[in-house]
Amino acid sequence: MPTSLNARGALLMTLSILAFVLNDGLMKTLLVDMSIYQAVFLRGIITIPFMAIMAWRTGVLIVKLKGRDKKIILGRVLTEVLATISFLTALRHMPLANITAILQALPLTVTMAAALFLNEPVGWRRWIAILIGLCGVLVIIRPGMEGFSSYSLWALGAVVCVTFREIVTRQLSKDVPSLPVALATAIVICGFGAVNLPGVSWVPVSSALWVYLGGAGIAIIGGYLFSVMAVRVGDISFVSPFRYTAMIWAITLGFLLFGDLPDLPTIIGTLIIVLAGLYSLHRERKRASLC
C-alpha cells in the first residue's frame, strides 16, 4: 500500500483515539454531577439521531438479518452494556490515565480470547507477550499494595466485557454493515439508562453540562467514524499501533481537566503493556506475511 495512504490511516487512527479519550474525559467531568444512567441516557439522546441519519443516508438504517446474526448482535449489545457500566463506574473514581492504561491491554486480551474461543493461531512468542502485558496490568493495579483501588476491578471488568464483545463481533456475517450494529448498541445503552433513571436522583442540566454532553456525543461519533476510515485507508498492521497514542491523550487531558498525573508504577505498567502489544502486533504481521 502507498506510504501516503498508510500515513493517512495513521492520522485517522490517532484522531479516532483522541476522540474516544476526549469522550472519556468529558464523561468523567459529567459524572461529578450526575449519575451514570442519566449521563448515558442524555448522551444517547444526542448521538442516536446523528447515527440514525448517517445510517439512513448510507442506506443501512434497516437491514435484513439472519437468525444467527440477530443472536450475535444481541450478545454484542449485552456485553456492550456491561462494558459501559463497568467502564464508567471505574472512570468516575479513577484518574483518566490509569483506566486508559489498563484498557491498553485490550489488544492482548482479544488475541488471547481469539486463540481460546475461535481457535485462531497464536504462537508461543505471542503467548509470552500476552503474559508479560498482563503483568503490566498488575503493576498498574497493585493488588494488595498501597495505591490499590477497588475500582480497578471495574476497569478489569470492562476489559473482560469488551474482549468478549470483540469475539462475538468477529462472528458476524461479513455482509452485516457496522453502522446499524453500532446504532442498535447505542439505542439499547440509552434505553438501559432510561430504565434505571427512577432509581437515581435527576440532576438539572445546566448549559455547561449540555456543552459537555454535546461534546461527548460528537467525540464518540467522531471516534467511531475515524476508526472505520483508518482501517479502510491504511494497512491494519501499520495503523493499529497508533491506538497506543491513547496514553498520550489521556495524560494530557487528565492533567488539563483534572490536574492528574500518573504515578511511576502506572507509567512502568503502561510501558510494559505497550511494548508487549507492539511485539504481539509485530509477530502477527510477520505470521501474516508468511501465509
C-alpha atoms as a PDB file:
ATOM      1  CA  MET A   1       0.000   0.000   0.000  1.00  0.00           C
ATOM      2  CA  PRO A   2       1.358   3.513  -0.797  1.00  0.00           C
ATOM      3  CA  THR A   3       3.094   5.250   2.091  1.00  0.00           C
ATOM      4  CA  SER A   4       0.754   8.239   1.769  1.00  0.00           C
ATOM      5  CA  LEU A   5      -2.290   6.046   2.428  1.00  0.00           C
ATOM      6  CA  ASN A   6      -0.666   4.460   5.462  1.00  0.00           C
ATOM      7  CA  ALA A   7       0.242   7.907   6.781  1.00  0.00           C
ATOM      8  CA  ARG A   8      -3.368   8.994   6.302  1.00  0.00           C
ATOM      9  CA  GLY A   9      -4.592   5.868   8.052  1.00  0.00           C
ATOM     10  CA  ALA A  10      -2.227   6.503  10.969  1.00  0.00           C
ATOM     11  CA  LEU A  11      -3.509  10.079  11.263  1.00  0.00           C
ATOM     12  CA  LEU A  12      -7.123   8.907  11.207  1.00  0.00           C
ATOM     13  CA  MET A  13      -6.429   6.274  13.877  1.00  0.00           C
ATOM     14  CA  THR A  14      -4.705   8.881  16.053  1.00  0.00           C
ATOM     15  CA  LEU A  15      -7.691  11.220  15.652  1.00  0.00           C
ATOM     16  CA  SER A  16     -10.039   8.330  16.467  1.00  0.00           C
ATOM     17  CA  ILE A  17      -8.222   7.578  19.704  1.00  0.00           C
ATOM     18  CA  LEU A  18      -8.126  11.276  20.595  1.00  0.00           C
ATOM     19  CA  ALA A  19     -11.892  11.474  20.053  1.00  0.00           C
ATOM     20  CA  PHE A  20     -12.562   8.443  22.256  1.00  0.00           C
ATOM     21  CA  VAL A  21     -10.329   9.746  25.056  1.00  0.00           C
ATOM     22  CA  LEU A  22     -11.950  13.190  24.778  1.00  0.00           C
ATOM     23  CA  ASN A  23     -15.328  11.499  25.190  1.00  0.00           C
ATOM     24  CA  ASP A  24     -13.982   9.743  28.293  1.00  0.00           C
ATOM     25  CA  GLY A  25     -12.674  12.991  29.751  1.00  0.00           C
ATOM     26  CA  LEU A  26     -15.949  14.820  29.172  1.00  0.00           C
ATOM     27  CA  MET A  27     -17.962  11.940  30.600  1.00  0.00           C
ATOM     28  CA  LYS A  28     -15.744  11.895  33.684  1.00  0.00           C
ATOM     29  CA  THR A  29     -16.467  15.601  34.109  1.00  0.00           C
ATOM     30  CA  LEU A  30     -20.212  14.950  33.800  1.00  0.00           C
ATOM     31  CA  LEU A  31     -20.130  12.108  36.324  1.00  0.00           C
ATOM     32  CA  VAL A  32     -19.040  14.528  39.017  1.00  0.00           C
ATOM     33  CA  ASP A  33     -22.549  15.991  38.955  1.00  0.00           C
ATOM     34  CA  MET A  34     -24.869  13.320  37.578  1.00  0.00           C
ATOM     35  CA  SER A  35     -25.421   9.588  37.733  1.00  0.00           C
ATOM     36  CA  ILE A  36     -24.073   7.184  35.152  1.00  0.00           C
ATOM     37  CA  TYR A  37     -27.605   6.358  33.990  1.00  0.00           C
ATOM     38  CA  GLN A  38     -28.572   9.983  33.417  1.00  0.00           C
ATOM     39  CA  ALA A  39     -25.284  10.612  31.587  1.00  0.00           C
ATOM     40  CA  VAL A  40     -25.619   7.669  29.174  1.00  0.00           C
ATOM     41  CA  PHE A  41     -29.304   8.436  28.609  1.00  0.00           C
ATOM     42  CA  LEU A  42     -28.681  12.071  27.702  1.00  0.00           C
ATOM     43  CA  ARG A  43     -25.632  11.242  25.601  1.00  0.00           C
ATOM     44  CA  GLY A  44     -27.733   8.704  23.732  1.00  0.00           C
ATOM     45  CA  ILE A  45     -30.422  11.287  23.073  1.00  0.00           C
ATOM     46  CA  ILE A  46     -27.746  13.345  21.316  1.00  0.00           C
ATOM     47  CA  THR A  47     -25.857  10.614  19.449  1.00  0.00           C
ATOM     48  CA  ILE A  48     -28.680   8.346  18.283  1.00  0.00           C
ATOM     49  CA  PRO A  49     -30.319  10.839  15.863  1.00  0.00           C
ATOM     50  CA  PHE A  50     -26.942  11.582  14.239  1.00  0.00           C
ATOM     51  CA  MET A  51     -26.136   7.879  13.877  1.00  0.00           C
ATOM     52  CA  ALA A  52     -29.621   7.169  12.503  1.00  0.00           C
ATOM     53  CA  ILE A  53     -29.227   9.916   9.883  1.00  0.00           C
ATOM     54  CA  MET A  54     -25.841   8.512   8.845  1.00  0.00           C
ATOM     55  CA  ALA A  55     -27.310   5.024   8.580  1.00  0.00           C
ATOM     56  CA  TRP A  56     -30.246   6.336   6.548  1.00  0.00           C
ATOM     57  CA  ARG A  57     -28.001   8.297   4.172  1.00  0.00           C
ATOM     58  CA  THR A  58     -25.855   5.234   3.550  1.00  0.00           C
ATOM     59  CA  GLY A  59     -28.896   3.019   3.032  1.00  0.00           C
ATOM     60  CA  VAL A  60     -28.319   0.742   6.033  1.00  0.00           C
ATOM     61  CA  LEU A  61     -30.840   2.102   8.523  1.00  0.00           C
ATOM     62  CA  ILE A  62     -32.939  -1.047   8.092  1.00  0.00           C
ATOM     63  CA  VAL A  63     -31.177  -4.268   7.159  1.00  0.00           C
ATOM     64  CA  LYS A  64     -32.364  -7.853   6.911  1.00  0.00           C
ATOM     65  CA  LEU A  65     -30.528 -10.116   9.315  1.00  0.00           C
ATOM     66  CA  LYS A  66     -30.217 -13.867   9.534  1.00  0.00           C
ATOM     67  CA  GLY A  67     -31.364 -15.531  12.730  1.00  0.00           C
ATOM     68  CA  ARG A  68     -27.760 -16.264  13.697  1.00  0.00           C
ATOM     69  CA  ASP A  69     -26.709 -12.643  13.214  1.00  0.00           C
ATOM     70  CA  LYS A  70     -29.629 -11.438  15.345  1.00  0.00           C
ATOM     71  CA  LYS A  71     -28.426 -13.598  18.234  1.00  0.00           C
ATOM     72  CA  ILE A  72     -24.849 -12.401  17.781  1.00  0.00           C
ATOM     73  CA  ILE A  73     -25.910  -8.743  17.789  1.00  0.00           C
ATOM     74  CA  LEU A  74     -27.994  -9.357  20.911  1.00  0.00           C
ATOM     75  CA  GLY A  75     -24.965 -10.877  22.634  1.00  0.00           C
ATOM     76  CA  ARG A  76     -22.803  -7.990  21.478  1.00  0.00           C
ATOM     77  CA  VAL A  77     -25.261  -5.426  22.790  1.00  0.00           C
ATOM     78  CA  LEU A  78     -25.457  -7.120  26.196  1.00  0.00           C
ATOM     79  CA  THR A  79     -21.674  -7.214  26.585  1.00  0.00           C
ATOM     80  CA  GLU A  80     -21.500  -3.566  25.468  1.00  0.00           C
ATOM     81  CA  VAL A  81     -23.999  -2.536  28.161  1.00  0.00           C
ATOM     82  CA  LEU A  82     -21.961  -4.337  30.831  1.00  0.00           C
ATOM     83  CA  ALA A  83     -18.745  -2.825  29.462  1.00  0.00           C
ATOM     84  CA  THR A  84     -20.214   0.682  29.523  1.00  0.00           C
ATOM     85  CA  ILE A  85     -21.419   0.459  33.125  1.00  0.00           C
ATOM     86  CA  SER A  86     -18.151  -1.129  34.303  1.00  0.00           C
ATOM     87  CA  PHE A  87     -16.023   1.413  32.467  1.00  0.00           C
ATOM     88  CA  LEU A  88     -17.987   4.469  33.601  1.00  0.00           C
ATOM     89  CA  THR A  89     -18.016   3.242  37.207  1.00  0.00           C
ATOM     90  CA  ALA A  90     -14.229   2.968  37.114  1.00  0.00           C
ATOM     91  CA  LEU A  91     -13.899   6.259  35.221  1.00  0.00           C
ATOM     92  CA  ARG A  92     -15.917   8.097  37.863  1.00  0.00           C
ATOM     93  CA  HIS A  93     -13.463   7.139  40.618  1.00  0.00           C
ATOM     94  CA  MET A  94     -10.106   6.659  38.861  1.00  0.00           C
ATOM     95  CA  PRO A  95      -7.698   9.036  37.103  1.00  0.00           C
ATOM     96  CA  LEU A  96      -8.244   9.069  33.349  1.00  0.00           C
ATOM     97  CA  ALA A  97      -4.684   7.943  32.611  1.00  0.00           C
ATOM     98  CA  ASN A  98      -4.929   4.955  34.969  1.00  0.00           C
ATOM     99  CA  ILE A  99      -8.065   3.478  33.452  1.00  0.00           C
ATOM    100  CA  THR A 100      -6.783   4.189  29.933  1.00  0.00           C
ATOM    101  CA  ALA A 101      -3.558   2.370  30.812  1.00  0.00           C
ATOM    102  CA  ILE A 102      -5.497  -0.722  31.890  1.00  0.00           C
ATOM    103  CA  LEU A 103      -7.538  -0.626  28.670  1.00  0.00           C
ATOM    104  CA  GLN A 104      -4.290  -0.720  26.665  1.00  0.00           C
ATOM    105  CA  ALA A 105      -4.249  -4.442  27.422  1.00  0.00           C
ATOM    106  CA  LEU A 106      -7.289  -4.987  25.174  1.00  0.00           C
ATOM    107  CA  PRO A 107      -5.376  -5.972  22.005  1.00  0.00           C
ATOM    108  CA  LEU A 108      -3.588  -8.629  24.055  1.00  0.00           C
ATOM    109  CA  THR A 109      -6.728  -9.952  25.768  1.00  0.00           C
ATOM    110  CA  VAL A 110      -8.605 -10.062  22.446  1.00  0.00           C
ATOM    111  CA  THR A 111      -5.731 -12.046  20.913  1.00  0.00           C
ATOM    112  CA  MET A 112      -5.816 -14.443  23.857  1.00  0.00           C
ATOM    113  CA  ALA A 113      -9.604 -14.878  23.679  1.00  0.00           C
ATOM    114  CA  ALA A 114      -9.481 -15.409  19.909  1.00  0.00           C
ATOM    115  CA  ALA A 115      -6.976 -18.218  20.419  1.00  0.00           C
ATOM    116  CA  LEU A 116      -9.049 -19.832  23.181  1.00  0.00           C
ATOM    117  CA  PHE A 117     -12.541 -19.463  21.715  1.00  0.00           C
ATOM    118  CA  LEU A 118     -12.076 -19.061  17.955  1.00  0.00           C
ATOM    119  CA  ASN A 119      -9.024 -21.308  17.531  1.00  0.00           C
ATOM    120  CA  GLU A 120      -7.057 -18.513  15.870  1.00  0.00           C
ATOM    121  CA  PRO A 121      -3.337 -19.402  15.644  1.00  0.00           C
ATOM    122  CA  VAL A 122      -1.187 -17.733  18.296  1.00  0.00           C
ATOM    123  CA  GLY A 123       2.459 -18.755  18.595  1.00  0.00           C
ATOM    124  CA  TRP A 124       4.396 -19.176  21.824  1.00  0.00           C
ATOM    125  CA  ARG A 125       6.117 -15.810  21.425  1.00  0.00           C
ATOM    126  CA  ARG A 126       2.768 -14.002  21.338  1.00  0.00           C
ATOM    127  CA  TRP A 127       1.587 -16.003  24.353  1.00  0.00           C
ATOM    128  CA  ILE A 128       4.644 -14.786  26.255  1.00  0.00           C
ATOM    129  CA  ALA A 129       3.890 -11.221  25.114  1.00  0.00           C
ATOM    130  CA  ILE A 130       0.312 -11.601  26.401  1.00  0.00           C
ATOM    131  CA  LEU A 131       1.507 -12.839  29.795  1.00  0.00           C
ATOM    132  CA  ILE A 132       4.043 -10.014  30.070  1.00  0.00           C
ATOM    133  CA  GLY A 133       1.343  -7.492  29.147  1.00  0.00           C
ATOM    134  CA  LEU A 134      -0.955  -8.870  31.847  1.00  0.00           C
ATOM    135  CA  CYS A 135       1.898  -8.485  34.324  1.00  0.00           C
ATOM    136  CA  GLY A 136       1.980  -4.832  33.278  1.00  0.00           C
ATOM    137  CA  VAL A 137      -1.702  -4.584  34.238  1.00  0.00           C
ATOM    138  CA  LEU A 138      -0.877  -5.975  37.673  1.00  0.00           C
ATOM    139  CA  VAL A 139       1.864  -3.350  38.075  1.00  0.00           C
ATOM    140  CA  ILE A 140      -0.735  -0.638  37.435  1.00  0.00           C
ATOM    141  CA  ILE A 141      -3.398  -2.136  39.694  1.00  0.00           C
ATOM    142  CA  ARG A 142      -1.022  -3.143  42.522  1.00  0.00           C
ATOM    143  CA  PRO A 143      -3.394  -5.640  44.200  1.00  0.00           C
ATOM    144  CA  GLY A 144      -2.915  -5.736  47.963  1.00  0.00           C
ATOM    145  CA  MET A 145      -0.428  -2.876  47.923  1.00  0.00           C
ATOM    146  CA  GLU A 146      -0.559   0.795  48.776  1.00  0.00           C
ATOM    147  CA  GLY A 147      -2.194   2.690  45.933  1.00  0.00           C
ATOM    148  CA  PHE A 148      -4.601  -0.157  45.092  1.00  0.00           C
ATOM    149  CA  SER A 149      -8.105   0.999  44.164  1.00  0.00           C
ATOM    150  CA  SER A 150     -11.022  -1.415  44.242  1.00  0.00           C
ATOM    151  CA  TYR A 151     -12.386   0.449  41.223  1.00  0.00           C
ATOM    152  CA  SER A 152      -9.538  -1.075  39.224  1.00  0.00           C
ATOM    153  CA  LEU A 153     -11.617  -4.254  39.342  1.00  0.00           C
ATOM    154  CA  TRP A 154     -14.384  -2.399  37.494  1.00  0.00           C
ATOM    155  CA  ALA A 155     -11.818  -1.408  34.873  1.00  0.00           C
ATOM    156  CA  LEU A 156     -10.775  -5.059  34.561  1.00  0.00           C
ATOM    157  CA  GLY A 157     -14.437  -5.968  34.237  1.00  0.00           C
ATOM    158  CA  ALA A 158     -14.696  -3.524  31.337  1.00  0.00           C
ATOM    159  CA  VAL A 159     -11.675  -5.166  29.700  1.00  0.00           C
ATOM    160  CA  VAL A 160     -13.293  -8.592  30.027  1.00  0.00           C
ATOM    161  CA  CYS A 161     -16.616  -7.357  28.626  1.00  0.00           C
ATOM    162  CA  VAL A 162     -15.027  -5.547  25.673  1.00  0.00           C
ATOM    163  CA  THR A 163     -12.893  -8.608  24.947  1.00  0.00           C
ATOM    164  CA  PHE A 164     -15.973 -10.815  24.695  1.00  0.00           C
ATOM    165  CA  ARG A 165     -17.736  -8.104  22.678  1.00  0.00           C
ATOM    166  CA  GLU A 166     -14.921  -8.243  20.128  1.00  0.00           C
ATOM    167  CA  ILE A 167     -15.011 -12.043  19.994  1.00  0.00           C
ATOM    168  CA  VAL A 168     -18.783 -12.003  19.472  1.00  0.00           C
ATOM    169  CA  THR A 169     -18.476  -9.288  16.820  1.00  0.00           C
ATOM    170  CA  ARG A 170     -15.957 -11.318  14.828  1.00  0.00           C
ATOM    171  CA  GLN A 171     -18.626 -13.970  14.296  1.00  0.00           C
ATOM    172  CA  LEU A 172     -20.993 -11.601  12.487  1.00  0.00           C
ATOM    173  CA  SER A 173     -21.540 -12.266   8.796  1.00  0.00           C
ATOM    174  CA  LYS A 174     -19.283 -10.115   6.630  1.00  0.00           C
ATOM    175  CA  ASP A 175     -22.272  -8.588   4.817  1.00  0.00           C
ATOM    176  CA  VAL A 176     -23.680  -7.038   8.023  1.00  0.00           C
ATOM    177  CA  PRO A 177     -22.860  -3.282   7.984  1.00  0.00           C
ATOM    178  CA  SER A 178     -21.116  -1.841  11.048  1.00  0.00           C
ATOM    179  CA  LEU A 179     -23.236   1.293  11.405  1.00  0.00           C
ATOM    180  CA  PRO A 180     -26.621  -0.317  12.206  1.00  0.00           C
ATOM    181  CA  VAL A 181     -24.899  -2.581  14.730  1.00  0.00           C
ATOM    182  CA  ALA A 182     -23.410   0.475  16.439  1.00  0.00           C
ATOM    183  CA  LEU A 183     -26.795   2.229  16.254  1.00  0.00           C
ATOM    184  CA  ALA A 184     -28.581  -0.721  17.866  1.00  0.00           C
ATOM    185  CA  THR A 185     -25.984  -0.738  20.624  1.00  0.00           C
ATOM    186  CA  ALA A 186     -26.419   2.994  21.254  1.00  0.00           C
ATOM    187  CA  ILE A 187     -30.212   2.617  21.427  1.00  0.00           C
ATOM    188  CA  VAL A 188     -30.036  -0.214  23.959  1.00  0.00           C
ATOM    189  CA  ILE A 189     -27.500   1.601  26.163  1.00  0.00           C
ATOM    190  CA  CYS A 190     -29.650   4.737  26.083  1.00  0.00           C
ATOM    191  CA  GLY A 191     -32.708   2.634  26.930  1.00  0.00           C
ATOM    192  CA  PHE A 192     -30.838   0.945  29.763  1.00  0.00           C
ATOM    193  CA  GLY A 193     -30.034   4.358  31.183  1.00  0.00           C
ATOM    194  CA  ALA A 194     -33.670   5.435  30.856  1.00  0.00           C
ATOM    195  CA  VAL A 195     -34.978   2.322  32.630  1.00  0.00           C
ATOM    196  CA  ASN A 196     -32.669   2.979  35.590  1.00  0.00           C
ATOM    197  CA  LEU A 197     -33.464   6.696  35.893  1.00  0.00           C
ATOM    198  CA  PRO A 198     -36.247   6.221  38.500  1.00  0.00           C
ATOM    199  CA  GLY A 199     -33.672   4.749  40.886  1.00  0.00           C
ATOM    200  CA  VAL A 200     -31.334   7.747  40.814  1.00  0.00           C
ATOM    201  CA  SER A 201     -31.611  11.451  41.503  1.00  0.00           C
ATOM    202  CA  TRP A 202     -32.173  13.530  38.381  1.00  0.00           C
ATOM    203  CA  VAL A 203     -29.765  16.457  38.174  1.00  0.00           C
ATOM    204  CA  PRO A 204     -30.994  19.608  36.397  1.00  0.00           C
ATOM    205  CA  VAL A 205     -28.892  20.007  33.273  1.00  0.00           C
ATOM    206  CA  SER A 206     -27.221  23.399  33.097  1.00  0.00           C
ATOM    207  CA  SER A 207     -25.972  24.927  29.865  1.00  0.00           C
ATOM    208  CA  ALA A 208     -22.416  23.916  30.799  1.00  0.00           C
ATOM    209  CA  LEU A 209     -23.470  20.290  31.267  1.00  0.00           C
ATOM    210  CA  TRP A 210     -25.234  20.349  27.888  1.00  0.00           C
ATOM    211  CA  VAL A 211     -21.979  21.537  26.333  1.00  0.00           C
ATOM    212  CA  TYR A 212     -20.134  18.610  27.920  1.00  0.00           C
ATOM    213  CA  LEU A 213     -22.845  16.186  26.775  1.00  0.00           C
ATOM    214  CA  GLY A 214     -22.796  17.566  23.246  1.00  0.00           C
ATOM    215  CA  GLY A 215     -19.023  17.392  23.145  1.00  0.00           C
ATOM    216  CA  ALA A 216     -19.048  13.792  24.393  1.00  0.00           C
ATOM    217  CA  GLY A 217     -21.662  12.828  21.823  1.00  0.00           C
ATOM    218  CA  ILE A 218     -19.783  14.414  18.929  1.00  0.00           C
ATOM    219  CA  ALA A 219     -16.494  12.932  20.151  1.00  0.00           C
ATOM    220  CA  ILE A 220     -17.790   9.367  20.342  1.00  0.00           C
ATOM    221  CA  ILE A 221     -19.335   9.603  16.858  1.00  0.00           C
ATOM    222  CA  GLY A 222     -16.064  11.021  15.529  1.00  0.00           C
ATOM    223  CA  GLY A 223     -14.124   8.243  17.203  1.00  0.00           C
ATOM    224  CA  TYR A 224     -16.284   5.614  15.559  1.00  0.00           C
ATOM    225  CA  LEU A 225     -16.123   7.182  12.097  1.00  0.00           C
ATOM    226  CA  PHE A 226     -12.379   7.867  12.204  1.00  0.00           C
ATOM    227  CA  SER A 227     -11.644   4.317  13.381  1.00  0.00           C
ATOM    228  CA  VAL A 228     -13.626   2.812  10.492  1.00  0.00           C
ATOM    229  CA  MET A 229     -11.950   5.145   7.998  1.00  0.00           C
ATOM    230  CA  ALA A 230      -8.498   4.345   9.398  1.00  0.00           C
ATOM    231  CA  VAL A 231      -8.672   0.588   8.856  1.00  0.00           C
ATOM    232  CA  ARG A 232     -10.130   1.066   5.391  1.00  0.00           C
ATOM    233  CA  VAL A 233      -7.427   3.516   4.271  1.00  0.00           C
ATOM    234  CA  GLY A 234      -4.212   2.042   5.665  1.00  0.00           C
ATOM    235  CA  ASP A 235      -2.764  -1.401   6.329  1.00  0.00           C
ATOM    236  CA  ILE A 236      -4.161  -2.657   9.636  1.00  0.00           C
ATOM    237  CA  SER A 237      -0.704  -3.829  10.718  1.00  0.00           C
ATOM    238  CA  PHE A 238       0.637  -0.299  10.177  1.00  0.00           C
ATOM    239  CA  VAL A 239      -2.332   1.602  11.571  1.00  0.00           C
ATOM    240  CA  SER A 240      -3.119  -0.489  14.685  1.00  0.00           C
ATOM    241  CA  PRO A 241      -0.064   0.534  16.770  1.00  0.00           C
ATOM    242  CA  PHE A 242      -1.314   4.116  16.737  1.00  0.00           C
ATOM    243  CA  ARG A 243      -4.051   3.001  19.131  1.00  0.00           C
ATOM    244  CA  TYR A 244      -1.414   3.306  21.833  1.00  0.00           C
ATOM    245  CA  THR A 245      -1.419   7.088  21.435  1.00  0.00           C
ATOM    246  CA  ALA A 246      -4.356   6.864  23.863  1.00  0.00           C
ATOM    247  CA  MET A 247      -1.970   7.247  26.800  1.00  0.00           C
ATOM    248  CA  ILE A 248      -0.559  10.484  25.406  1.00  0.00           C
ATOM    249  CA  TRP A 249      -4.045  11.957  25.103  1.00  0.00           C
ATOM    250  CA  ALA A 250      -5.190  10.528  28.447  1.00  0.00           C
ATOM    251  CA  ILE A 251      -2.234  12.007  30.355  1.00  0.00           C
ATOM    252  CA  THR A 252      -2.662  15.364  28.613  1.00  0.00           C
ATOM    253  CA  LEU A 253      -6.425  15.597  29.140  1.00  0.00           C
ATOM    254  CA  GLY A 254      -6.200  14.171  32.650  1.00  0.00           C
ATOM    255  CA  PHE A 255      -3.807  16.947  33.596  1.00  0.00           C
ATOM    256  CA  LEU A 256      -5.689  19.726  31.796  1.00  0.00           C
ATOM    257  CA  LEU A 257      -9.162  18.743  33.041  1.00  0.00           C
ATOM    258  CA  PHE A 258      -8.448  17.289  36.489  1.00  0.00           C
ATOM    259  CA  GLY A 259      -4.834  18.115  37.362  1.00  0.00           C
ATOM    260  CA  ASP A 260      -3.969  14.380  37.477  1.00  0.00           C
ATOM    261  CA  LEU A 261      -0.620  12.901  36.511  1.00  0.00           C
ATOM    262  CA  PRO A 262       0.126   9.146  36.505  1.00  0.00           C
ATOM    263  CA  ASP A 263       2.479   7.843  39.177  1.00  0.00           C
ATOM    264  CA  LEU A 264       5.610   5.794  38.464  1.00  0.00           C
ATOM    265  CA  PRO A 265       4.002   2.308  38.719  1.00  0.00           C
ATOM    266  CA  THR A 266       1.301   3.368  36.240  1.00  0.00           C
ATOM    267  CA  ILE A 267       3.944   4.617  33.791  1.00  0.00           C
ATOM    268  CA  ILE A 268       6.036   1.449  34.165  1.00  0.00           C
ATOM    269  CA  GLY A 269       2.996  -0.808  33.776  1.00  0.00           C
ATOM    270  CA  THR A 270       1.858   1.119  30.723  1.00  0.00           C
ATOM    271  CA  LEU A 271       5.268   0.774  29.070  1.00  0.00           C
ATOM    272  CA  ILE A 272       5.194  -2.976  29.707  1.00  0.00           C
ATOM    273  CA  ILE A 273       1.715  -3.308  28.174  1.00  0.00           C
ATOM    274  CA  VAL A 274       2.513  -1.139  25.145  1.00  0.00           C
ATOM    275  CA  LEU A 275       5.804  -2.905  24.390  1.00  0.00           C
ATOM    276  CA  ALA A 276       4.136  -6.310  24.760  1.00  0.00           C
ATOM    277  CA  GLY A 277       1.305  -5.173  22.493  1.00  0.00           C
ATOM    278  CA  LEU A 278       3.644  -3.817  19.842  1.00  0.00           C
ATOM    279  CA  TYR A 279       5.658  -7.034  19.870  1.00  0.00           C
ATOM    280  CA  SER A 280       2.462  -9.070  19.510  1.00  0.00           C
ATOM    281  CA  LEU A 281       1.441  -6.920  16.526  1.00  0.00           C
ATOM    282  CA  HIS A 282       4.901  -7.422  15.019  1.00  0.00           C
ATOM    283  CA  ARG A 283       4.607 -11.208  15.342  1.00  0.00           C
ATOM    284  CA  GLU A 284       1.099 -11.150  13.833  1.00  0.00           C
ATOM    285  CA  ARG A 285       2.344  -9.097  10.901  1.00  0.00           C
ATOM    286  CA  LYS A 286       5.246 -11.481  10.366  1.00  0.00           C
ATOM    287  CA  ARG A 287       2.939 -14.503  10.535  1.00  0.00           C
ATOM    288  CA  ALA A 288       0.552 -12.931   8.031  1.00  0.00           C
ATOM    289  CA  SER A 289       3.419 -12.247   5.592  1.00  0.00           C
ATOM    290  CA  LEU A 290       4.349 -15.930   5.652  1.00  0.00           C
ATOM    291  CA  CYS A 291       0.817 -17.147   4.920  1.00  0.00           C
END
